[in-house]
N, C-alpha and C. Protein backbone atom coordinates (compact mmCIF):
# COMPACT_ATOMS: atom_id res chain seq x y z
N MET A 1 -58.74 7.84 145.14
CA MET A 1 -60.07 8.39 145.27
C MET A 1 -60.39 9.14 143.97
N ARG A 2 -61.55 8.92 143.43
CA ARG A 2 -61.95 9.59 142.20
C ARG A 2 -62.28 11.05 142.47
N LYS A 3 -62.24 11.84 141.41
CA LYS A 3 -62.48 13.27 141.50
C LYS A 3 -63.84 13.58 142.14
N ALA A 4 -64.87 12.88 141.75
CA ALA A 4 -66.21 13.12 142.29
C ALA A 4 -66.27 12.81 143.78
N GLU A 5 -65.61 11.72 144.19
CA GLU A 5 -65.60 11.37 145.61
C GLU A 5 -64.83 12.40 146.42
N LEU A 6 -63.70 12.85 145.88
CA LEU A 6 -62.88 13.84 146.56
C LEU A 6 -63.65 15.16 146.71
N PHE A 7 -64.36 15.53 145.65
CA PHE A 7 -65.16 16.75 145.71
C PHE A 7 -66.24 16.63 146.78
N ALA A 8 -66.86 15.48 146.88
CA ALA A 8 -67.91 15.27 147.88
C ALA A 8 -67.34 15.41 149.30
N VAL A 9 -66.14 14.88 149.51
CA VAL A 9 -65.50 14.98 150.82
C VAL A 9 -65.19 16.44 151.15
N VAL A 10 -64.61 17.16 150.19
CA VAL A 10 -64.28 18.56 150.42
C VAL A 10 -65.54 19.38 150.65
N ALA A 11 -66.56 19.14 149.85
CA ALA A 11 -67.82 19.87 150.02
C ALA A 11 -68.41 19.62 151.41
N ALA A 12 -68.35 18.39 151.86
CA ALA A 12 -68.86 18.06 153.19
C ALA A 12 -68.06 18.80 154.27
N LEU A 13 -66.74 18.87 154.10
CA LEU A 13 -65.90 19.58 155.08
C LEU A 13 -66.23 21.06 155.09
N VAL A 14 -66.38 21.66 153.92
CA VAL A 14 -66.70 23.08 153.84
C VAL A 14 -68.06 23.36 154.45
N LEU A 15 -69.04 22.55 154.10
CA LEU A 15 -70.39 22.75 154.63
C LEU A 15 -70.42 22.53 156.14
N ALA A 16 -69.65 21.56 156.61
CA ALA A 16 -69.62 21.29 158.05
C ALA A 16 -68.96 22.44 158.80
N SER A 17 -67.99 23.11 158.18
CA SER A 17 -67.30 24.20 158.87
C SER A 17 -68.08 25.51 158.79
N ALA A 18 -68.99 25.65 157.85
CA ALA A 18 -69.73 26.91 157.69
C ALA A 18 -70.52 27.28 158.94
N PRO A 19 -71.26 26.36 159.55
CA PRO A 19 -71.98 26.76 160.77
C PRO A 19 -71.04 27.18 161.89
N LEU A 20 -69.89 26.56 161.99
CA LEU A 20 -68.94 26.93 163.02
C LEU A 20 -68.38 28.31 162.77
N ALA A 21 -68.14 28.62 161.49
CA ALA A 21 -67.58 29.92 161.16
C ALA A 21 -68.52 31.04 161.54
N GLY A 22 -69.82 30.80 161.50
CA GLY A 22 -70.78 31.84 161.80
C GLY A 22 -71.22 31.86 163.24
N CYS A 23 -70.80 30.92 164.06
CA CYS A 23 -71.24 30.86 165.45
C CYS A 23 -70.91 32.15 166.17
N GLY A 24 -71.90 32.70 166.82
CA GLY A 24 -71.68 33.87 167.65
C GLY A 24 -71.55 35.16 166.88
N ARG A 25 -71.57 35.18 165.57
CA ARG A 25 -71.44 36.42 164.84
C ARG A 25 -72.67 37.27 165.06
N ASP A 26 -72.46 38.51 165.33
CA ASP A 26 -73.52 39.48 165.57
C ASP A 26 -74.45 39.07 166.69
N GLY A 27 -74.10 38.05 167.46
CA GLY A 27 -74.90 37.63 168.59
C GLY A 27 -76.24 37.04 168.22
N GLU A 28 -76.40 36.59 166.98
CA GLU A 28 -77.69 36.05 166.58
C GLU A 28 -77.58 34.58 166.26
N GLY A 29 -78.62 33.85 166.55
CA GLY A 29 -78.69 32.43 166.22
C GLY A 29 -79.37 32.25 164.88
N GLU A 30 -79.67 30.99 164.52
CA GLU A 30 -80.25 30.69 163.23
C GLU A 30 -81.60 31.36 163.02
N ALA A 31 -82.43 31.43 164.04
CA ALA A 31 -83.76 31.99 163.89
C ALA A 31 -83.75 33.51 163.99
N GLY A 32 -82.58 34.11 164.10
CA GLY A 32 -82.48 35.56 164.17
C GLY A 32 -82.60 36.09 165.59
N GLY A 33 -82.81 35.22 166.56
CA GLY A 33 -82.91 35.64 167.96
C GLY A 33 -81.53 35.80 168.55
N LYS A 34 -81.48 36.41 169.71
CA LYS A 34 -80.19 36.59 170.38
C LYS A 34 -79.68 35.25 170.88
N ALA A 35 -78.39 35.02 170.69
CA ALA A 35 -77.77 33.79 171.15
C ALA A 35 -77.66 33.81 172.67
N LYS A 36 -77.79 32.67 173.29
CA LYS A 36 -77.70 32.57 174.75
C LYS A 36 -76.26 32.62 175.23
N SER A 37 -75.34 32.09 174.39
CA SER A 37 -73.95 31.99 174.79
C SER A 37 -73.26 33.34 174.68
N ALA A 38 -72.44 33.66 175.67
CA ALA A 38 -71.68 34.91 175.63
C ALA A 38 -70.38 34.72 174.87
N ALA A 39 -69.95 33.48 174.67
CA ALA A 39 -68.69 33.21 173.99
C ALA A 39 -68.87 33.35 172.48
N ARG A 40 -67.91 34.01 171.86
CA ARG A 40 -67.91 34.13 170.40
C ARG A 40 -66.88 33.18 169.84
N VAL A 41 -67.24 32.49 168.77
CA VAL A 41 -66.31 31.58 168.12
C VAL A 41 -65.75 32.30 166.91
N GLU A 42 -64.48 32.59 166.93
CA GLU A 42 -63.81 33.25 165.82
C GLU A 42 -62.79 32.29 165.24
N PRO A 43 -62.57 32.34 163.93
CA PRO A 43 -61.57 31.46 163.34
C PRO A 43 -60.18 31.82 163.82
N ASP A 44 -59.32 30.82 163.91
CA ASP A 44 -57.93 31.05 164.28
C ASP A 44 -57.17 31.37 163.00
N ASP A 45 -56.88 32.63 162.80
CA ASP A 45 -56.19 33.03 161.59
C ASP A 45 -54.72 33.35 161.85
N SER A 46 -54.20 32.87 162.98
CA SER A 46 -52.82 33.19 163.35
C SER A 46 -51.79 32.67 162.36
N ALA A 47 -52.09 31.58 161.65
CA ALA A 47 -51.14 31.04 160.67
C ALA A 47 -51.21 31.78 159.34
N LEU A 48 -52.30 32.49 159.11
CA LEU A 48 -52.47 33.18 157.84
C LEU A 48 -51.48 34.34 157.73
N PRO A 49 -50.94 34.52 156.54
CA PRO A 49 -49.99 35.62 156.38
C PRO A 49 -50.69 36.97 156.49
N GLU A 50 -49.95 37.95 156.90
CA GLU A 50 -50.46 39.32 156.92
C GLU A 50 -50.47 39.83 155.48
N ALA A 51 -51.10 40.95 155.26
CA ALA A 51 -51.10 41.57 153.94
C ALA A 51 -49.66 41.91 153.56
N SER A 52 -49.39 41.93 152.28
CA SER A 52 -48.02 42.12 151.80
C SER A 52 -47.51 43.55 151.96
N GLY A 53 -48.41 44.51 152.06
CA GLY A 53 -47.97 45.90 152.12
C GLY A 53 -47.79 46.50 150.73
N ALA A 54 -48.04 45.71 149.68
CA ALA A 54 -47.94 46.20 148.31
C ALA A 54 -49.08 47.18 148.06
N PRO A 55 -48.91 48.08 147.08
CA PRO A 55 -50.00 49.01 146.76
C PRO A 55 -51.28 48.25 146.40
N LEU A 56 -52.40 48.78 146.87
CA LEU A 56 -53.69 48.15 146.60
C LEU A 56 -54.35 48.81 145.39
N PRO A 57 -55.15 48.04 144.67
CA PRO A 57 -55.85 48.62 143.52
C PRO A 57 -56.91 49.63 143.96
N ALA A 58 -57.35 50.45 143.03
CA ALA A 58 -58.39 51.45 143.32
C ALA A 58 -59.62 50.76 143.90
N GLY A 59 -60.18 51.34 144.95
CA GLY A 59 -61.38 50.81 145.57
C GLY A 59 -61.13 49.74 146.62
N VAL A 60 -59.87 49.35 146.81
CA VAL A 60 -59.53 48.35 147.81
C VAL A 60 -58.82 49.04 148.96
N THR A 61 -59.29 48.77 150.17
CA THR A 61 -58.72 49.41 151.36
C THR A 61 -58.03 48.39 152.26
N ALA A 62 -57.20 48.91 153.15
CA ALA A 62 -56.54 48.04 154.13
C ALA A 62 -57.58 47.36 155.02
N ALA A 63 -58.68 48.03 155.31
CA ALA A 63 -59.74 47.43 156.13
C ALA A 63 -60.37 46.24 155.40
N MET A 64 -60.54 46.36 154.08
CA MET A 64 -61.06 45.23 153.30
C MET A 64 -60.12 44.04 153.37
N VAL A 65 -58.83 44.31 153.25
CA VAL A 65 -57.83 43.24 153.30
C VAL A 65 -57.88 42.55 154.66
N ALA A 66 -57.98 43.33 155.73
CA ALA A 66 -58.05 42.75 157.08
C ALA A 66 -59.30 41.90 157.24
N GLU A 67 -60.44 42.38 156.75
CA GLU A 67 -61.68 41.60 156.82
C GLU A 67 -61.56 40.34 155.96
N GLY A 68 -60.94 40.46 154.81
CA GLY A 68 -60.75 39.31 153.93
C GLY A 68 -59.90 38.23 154.58
N ARG A 69 -58.92 38.64 155.36
CA ARG A 69 -58.09 37.67 156.09
C ARG A 69 -58.94 36.85 157.05
N LYS A 70 -59.85 37.54 157.75
CA LYS A 70 -60.74 36.84 158.68
C LYS A 70 -61.65 35.87 157.91
N GLN A 71 -62.23 36.34 156.83
CA GLN A 71 -63.14 35.49 156.05
C GLN A 71 -62.40 34.31 155.42
N PHE A 72 -61.19 34.54 154.95
CA PHE A 72 -60.38 33.47 154.37
C PHE A 72 -60.20 32.35 155.38
N GLY A 73 -60.01 32.72 156.64
CA GLY A 73 -59.80 31.74 157.70
C GLY A 73 -61.03 30.90 158.02
N THR A 74 -62.21 31.32 157.56
CA THR A 74 -63.42 30.57 157.85
C THR A 74 -63.69 29.45 156.87
N THR A 75 -63.23 29.57 155.64
CA THR A 75 -63.59 28.60 154.60
C THR A 75 -62.42 28.23 153.69
N CYS A 76 -61.71 29.21 153.19
CA CYS A 76 -60.70 29.01 152.15
C CYS A 76 -59.53 28.13 152.60
N VAL A 77 -59.27 28.12 153.91
CA VAL A 77 -58.15 27.34 154.44
C VAL A 77 -58.33 25.84 154.21
N VAL A 78 -59.56 25.39 154.01
CA VAL A 78 -59.82 23.97 153.79
C VAL A 78 -59.02 23.47 152.59
N CYS A 79 -58.99 24.24 151.52
CA CYS A 79 -58.28 23.81 150.30
C CYS A 79 -56.93 24.49 150.11
N HIS A 80 -56.82 25.75 150.55
CA HIS A 80 -55.58 26.49 150.30
C HIS A 80 -54.61 26.42 151.48
N GLY A 81 -55.04 25.79 152.57
CA GLY A 81 -54.16 25.59 153.71
C GLY A 81 -54.24 26.72 154.71
N PRO A 82 -53.90 26.41 155.97
CA PRO A 82 -53.98 27.42 157.03
C PRO A 82 -52.95 28.53 156.88
N ASP A 83 -51.94 28.31 156.04
CA ASP A 83 -50.95 29.35 155.78
C ASP A 83 -51.04 29.87 154.35
N ALA A 84 -52.07 29.42 153.61
CA ALA A 84 -52.34 29.82 152.22
C ALA A 84 -51.23 29.40 151.26
N ARG A 85 -50.44 28.42 151.66
CA ARG A 85 -49.37 27.92 150.79
C ARG A 85 -49.83 26.75 149.92
N GLY A 86 -51.12 26.43 149.97
CA GLY A 86 -51.68 25.39 149.13
C GLY A 86 -51.66 24.03 149.79
N THR A 87 -52.48 23.15 149.23
CA THR A 87 -52.56 21.75 149.66
C THR A 87 -52.74 20.92 148.41
N GLN A 88 -53.01 19.65 148.57
CA GLN A 88 -53.30 18.81 147.41
C GLN A 88 -54.61 19.21 146.75
N LEU A 89 -55.45 19.95 147.48
CA LEU A 89 -56.77 20.33 146.96
C LEU A 89 -56.78 21.68 146.26
N GLY A 90 -55.87 22.57 146.62
CA GLY A 90 -55.86 23.91 146.04
C GLY A 90 -54.47 24.50 146.03
N PRO A 91 -54.20 25.42 145.10
CA PRO A 91 -52.86 25.99 144.95
C PRO A 91 -52.49 26.99 146.03
N SER A 92 -51.20 27.26 146.10
CA SER A 92 -50.70 28.34 146.96
C SER A 92 -51.23 29.66 146.42
N LEU A 93 -51.56 30.54 147.33
CA LEU A 93 -51.99 31.88 146.94
C LEU A 93 -50.93 32.90 147.31
N ARG A 94 -49.75 32.41 147.69
CA ARG A 94 -48.69 33.30 148.16
C ARG A 94 -47.49 33.38 147.24
N ASP A 95 -47.45 32.56 146.20
CA ASP A 95 -46.23 32.52 145.40
C ASP A 95 -46.27 33.42 144.17
N GLY A 96 -47.37 34.11 143.94
CA GLY A 96 -47.47 35.01 142.79
C GLY A 96 -47.74 34.30 141.49
N ALA A 97 -47.81 32.97 141.49
CA ALA A 97 -48.10 32.22 140.27
C ALA A 97 -49.61 32.00 140.19
N TRP A 98 -50.19 32.34 139.06
CA TRP A 98 -51.63 32.19 138.86
C TRP A 98 -51.88 31.16 137.78
N LEU A 99 -52.83 30.28 138.03
CA LEU A 99 -53.14 29.19 137.10
C LEU A 99 -54.32 29.51 136.19
N ASN A 100 -55.26 30.31 136.66
CA ASN A 100 -56.50 30.54 135.92
C ASN A 100 -56.74 32.01 135.57
N VAL A 101 -56.00 32.91 136.17
CA VAL A 101 -56.11 34.35 135.90
C VAL A 101 -54.71 34.96 135.98
N SER A 102 -54.62 36.25 135.65
CA SER A 102 -53.31 36.91 135.69
C SER A 102 -52.92 37.43 137.07
N GLY A 103 -53.90 37.51 137.99
CA GLY A 103 -53.62 38.03 139.32
C GLY A 103 -54.16 39.43 139.54
N ASP A 104 -54.86 39.98 138.55
CA ASP A 104 -55.52 41.26 138.66
C ASP A 104 -56.65 41.15 139.69
N PHE A 105 -56.88 42.21 140.47
CA PHE A 105 -57.90 42.15 141.52
C PHE A 105 -59.27 41.76 140.97
N GLN A 106 -59.70 42.39 139.89
CA GLN A 106 -61.03 42.09 139.34
C GLN A 106 -61.12 40.62 138.89
N GLU A 107 -60.03 40.09 138.35
CA GLU A 107 -60.02 38.68 137.95
C GLU A 107 -60.11 37.76 139.17
N ILE A 108 -59.39 38.11 140.22
CA ILE A 108 -59.45 37.32 141.45
C ILE A 108 -60.86 37.36 142.01
N LEU A 109 -61.47 38.52 142.02
CA LEU A 109 -62.84 38.66 142.52
C LEU A 109 -63.78 37.78 141.70
N ARG A 110 -63.67 37.81 140.40
CA ARG A 110 -64.53 36.98 139.53
C ARG A 110 -64.28 35.50 139.78
N LEU A 111 -63.01 35.12 139.96
CA LEU A 111 -62.67 33.72 140.22
C LEU A 111 -63.27 33.25 141.54
N VAL A 112 -63.16 34.07 142.60
CA VAL A 112 -63.73 33.70 143.90
C VAL A 112 -65.25 33.62 143.79
N HIS A 113 -65.84 34.56 143.09
CA HIS A 113 -67.30 34.60 142.94
C HIS A 113 -67.81 33.39 142.15
N ASP A 114 -67.19 33.12 141.02
CA ASP A 114 -67.68 32.08 140.10
C ASP A 114 -67.13 30.69 140.39
N GLY A 115 -66.00 30.61 141.08
CA GLY A 115 -65.34 29.33 141.33
C GLY A 115 -64.48 28.91 140.15
N VAL A 116 -63.90 27.73 140.27
CA VAL A 116 -63.05 27.16 139.21
C VAL A 116 -63.58 25.76 138.94
N PRO A 117 -64.48 25.63 137.96
CA PRO A 117 -65.10 24.32 137.72
C PRO A 117 -64.14 23.26 137.18
N GLU A 118 -63.10 23.69 136.47
CA GLU A 118 -62.13 22.75 135.92
C GLU A 118 -60.72 23.23 136.21
N PRO A 119 -60.23 22.97 137.42
CA PRO A 119 -58.88 23.43 137.77
C PRO A 119 -57.82 22.77 136.89
N LYS A 120 -56.76 23.52 136.62
CA LYS A 120 -55.70 23.03 135.75
C LYS A 120 -54.77 22.04 136.43
N GLU A 121 -54.57 22.19 137.75
CA GLU A 121 -53.57 21.35 138.43
C GLU A 121 -54.08 20.63 139.66
N HIS A 122 -55.30 20.84 140.07
CA HIS A 122 -55.79 20.23 141.30
C HIS A 122 -57.02 19.39 141.03
N PRO A 123 -57.25 18.36 141.83
CA PRO A 123 -58.30 17.39 141.52
C PRO A 123 -59.73 17.82 141.85
N VAL A 124 -59.89 18.89 142.59
CA VAL A 124 -61.22 19.26 143.06
C VAL A 124 -61.59 20.65 142.53
N PRO A 125 -62.76 20.78 141.91
CA PRO A 125 -63.20 22.11 141.48
C PRO A 125 -63.42 23.03 142.69
N MET A 126 -63.15 24.31 142.48
CA MET A 126 -63.47 25.28 143.52
C MET A 126 -64.90 25.73 143.28
N PRO A 127 -65.78 25.54 144.26
CA PRO A 127 -67.18 25.95 144.06
C PRO A 127 -67.31 27.47 144.06
N PRO A 128 -68.40 27.98 143.48
CA PRO A 128 -68.63 29.43 143.56
C PRO A 128 -68.60 29.88 145.01
N ARG A 129 -68.06 31.08 145.20
CA ARG A 129 -67.90 31.68 146.53
C ARG A 129 -67.01 30.82 147.43
N GLY A 130 -66.21 29.96 146.83
CA GLY A 130 -65.32 29.11 147.59
C GLY A 130 -66.08 28.11 148.46
N GLY A 131 -67.38 27.98 148.19
CA GLY A 131 -68.21 27.09 148.99
C GLY A 131 -68.66 27.71 150.30
N GLY A 132 -68.32 28.97 150.50
CA GLY A 132 -68.67 29.64 151.76
C GLY A 132 -69.92 30.49 151.64
N PRO A 133 -70.47 30.88 152.77
CA PRO A 133 -71.69 31.70 152.80
C PRO A 133 -71.37 33.20 152.73
N PHE A 134 -70.49 33.60 151.82
CA PHE A 134 -70.02 34.97 151.77
C PHE A 134 -71.03 35.91 151.11
N THR A 135 -71.16 37.10 151.68
CA THR A 135 -71.92 38.17 151.05
C THR A 135 -71.05 38.77 149.94
N GLU A 136 -71.62 39.63 149.13
CA GLU A 136 -70.83 40.30 148.07
C GLU A 136 -69.70 41.12 148.69
N GLU A 137 -69.97 41.80 149.78
CA GLU A 137 -68.95 42.60 150.46
C GLU A 137 -67.83 41.70 150.99
N GLN A 138 -68.19 40.56 151.56
CA GLN A 138 -67.17 39.63 152.06
C GLN A 138 -66.36 39.03 150.92
N LEU A 139 -67.00 38.77 149.78
CA LEU A 139 -66.27 38.26 148.61
C LEU A 139 -65.23 39.27 148.16
N ARG A 140 -65.60 40.55 148.12
CA ARG A 140 -64.65 41.59 147.73
C ARG A 140 -63.48 41.64 148.73
N ALA A 141 -63.80 41.45 150.00
CA ALA A 141 -62.76 41.46 151.04
C ALA A 141 -61.82 40.27 150.87
N VAL A 142 -62.37 39.08 150.61
CA VAL A 142 -61.54 37.89 150.40
C VAL A 142 -60.64 38.11 149.19
N ALA A 143 -61.20 38.62 148.10
CA ALA A 143 -60.41 38.88 146.90
C ALA A 143 -59.31 39.91 147.19
N ALA A 144 -59.62 40.92 148.00
CA ALA A 144 -58.62 41.93 148.36
C ALA A 144 -57.47 41.29 149.14
N TYR A 145 -57.82 40.42 150.07
CA TYR A 145 -56.79 39.73 150.86
C TYR A 145 -55.94 38.82 149.97
N VAL A 146 -56.58 38.05 149.12
CA VAL A 146 -55.83 37.15 148.23
C VAL A 146 -54.93 37.97 147.31
N PHE A 147 -55.44 39.07 146.77
CA PHE A 147 -54.63 39.94 145.93
C PHE A 147 -53.41 40.42 146.71
N SER A 148 -53.63 40.90 147.92
CA SER A 148 -52.54 41.42 148.73
C SER A 148 -51.49 40.35 149.03
N MET A 149 -51.97 39.15 149.40
CA MET A 149 -51.02 38.06 149.68
C MET A 149 -50.16 37.75 148.47
N SER A 150 -50.78 37.71 147.32
CA SER A 150 -50.06 37.30 146.11
C SER A 150 -49.05 38.35 145.67
N GLN A 151 -49.21 39.58 146.12
CA GLN A 151 -48.29 40.64 145.73
C GLN A 151 -46.99 40.59 146.50
N GLY A 152 -46.93 39.78 147.55
CA GLY A 152 -45.71 39.66 148.35
C GLY A 152 -44.73 38.66 147.78
N LYS A 153 -44.87 38.32 146.51
CA LYS A 153 -44.06 37.26 145.91
C LYS A 153 -42.56 37.52 145.98
N SER A 154 -42.15 38.78 146.00
CA SER A 154 -40.72 39.04 146.05
C SER A 154 -40.11 38.64 147.39
N ALA A 155 -40.96 38.57 148.42
CA ALA A 155 -40.48 38.16 149.74
C ALA A 155 -40.84 36.72 150.04
N ALA A 156 -41.26 35.97 149.00
CA ALA A 156 -41.70 34.59 149.20
C ALA A 156 -40.53 33.71 149.58
N PRO A 157 -40.75 32.73 150.45
CA PRO A 157 -39.70 31.79 150.78
C PRO A 157 -39.25 31.01 149.55
N ALA A 158 -38.07 30.46 149.60
CA ALA A 158 -37.51 29.73 148.47
C ALA A 158 -38.43 28.61 148.01
N ALA A 159 -39.11 27.94 148.92
CA ALA A 159 -40.01 26.84 148.54
C ALA A 159 -41.11 27.34 147.63
N ASP A 160 -41.67 28.53 147.93
CA ASP A 160 -42.72 29.09 147.08
C ASP A 160 -42.16 29.46 145.71
N THR A 161 -40.97 30.06 145.70
CA THR A 161 -40.36 30.44 144.44
C THR A 161 -40.07 29.22 143.58
N ALA A 162 -39.59 28.15 144.20
CA ALA A 162 -39.31 26.93 143.44
C ALA A 162 -40.60 26.31 142.91
N ALA A 163 -41.66 26.36 143.70
CA ALA A 163 -42.94 25.81 143.25
C ALA A 163 -43.47 26.60 142.06
N ALA A 164 -43.30 27.93 142.11
CA ALA A 164 -43.77 28.76 141.00
C ALA A 164 -42.95 28.48 139.74
N ALA A 165 -41.64 28.29 139.90
CA ALA A 165 -40.80 28.00 138.74
C ALA A 165 -41.12 26.66 138.11
N ALA A 166 -41.60 25.72 138.93
CA ALA A 166 -41.92 24.38 138.42
C ALA A 166 -43.20 24.38 137.59
N ARG A 167 -44.02 25.43 137.73
CA ARG A 167 -45.29 25.50 136.99
C ARG A 167 -45.05 25.92 135.62
């Protein structure tokens, strides 16, 4: 499959999942009216790793990291996997190895905000905002979660360590 075709497939998957990710949030439907359904649809983030417990940068809170974990589960899992260990479409975010930035929080935030138009090792560009309908606050939360996950590299499984060494 060519790069453009693969990107189109991933974009379609992300766009198709966006309405599901927002279902039932704040009890409002598309027109801003109250939703009729009492059931809330929340992403299953049970496979996602918890925060690493590493010190957080200035301005980043544990609450932001927790919110970022929820937001990551709505969109980012499409390319980075349900456990954030990467897929053929996107790299692992748990091994401490960075391909496009050094791993600094502000760099991660900029990368999530702007996307990765020309990835170094994966066939599909990461769209701005990861292709998700994130607000600026949610983007900061996602970046906080990704930063926290990547800081747990010392406790990474051997497979992650070997993958990082191979880069």
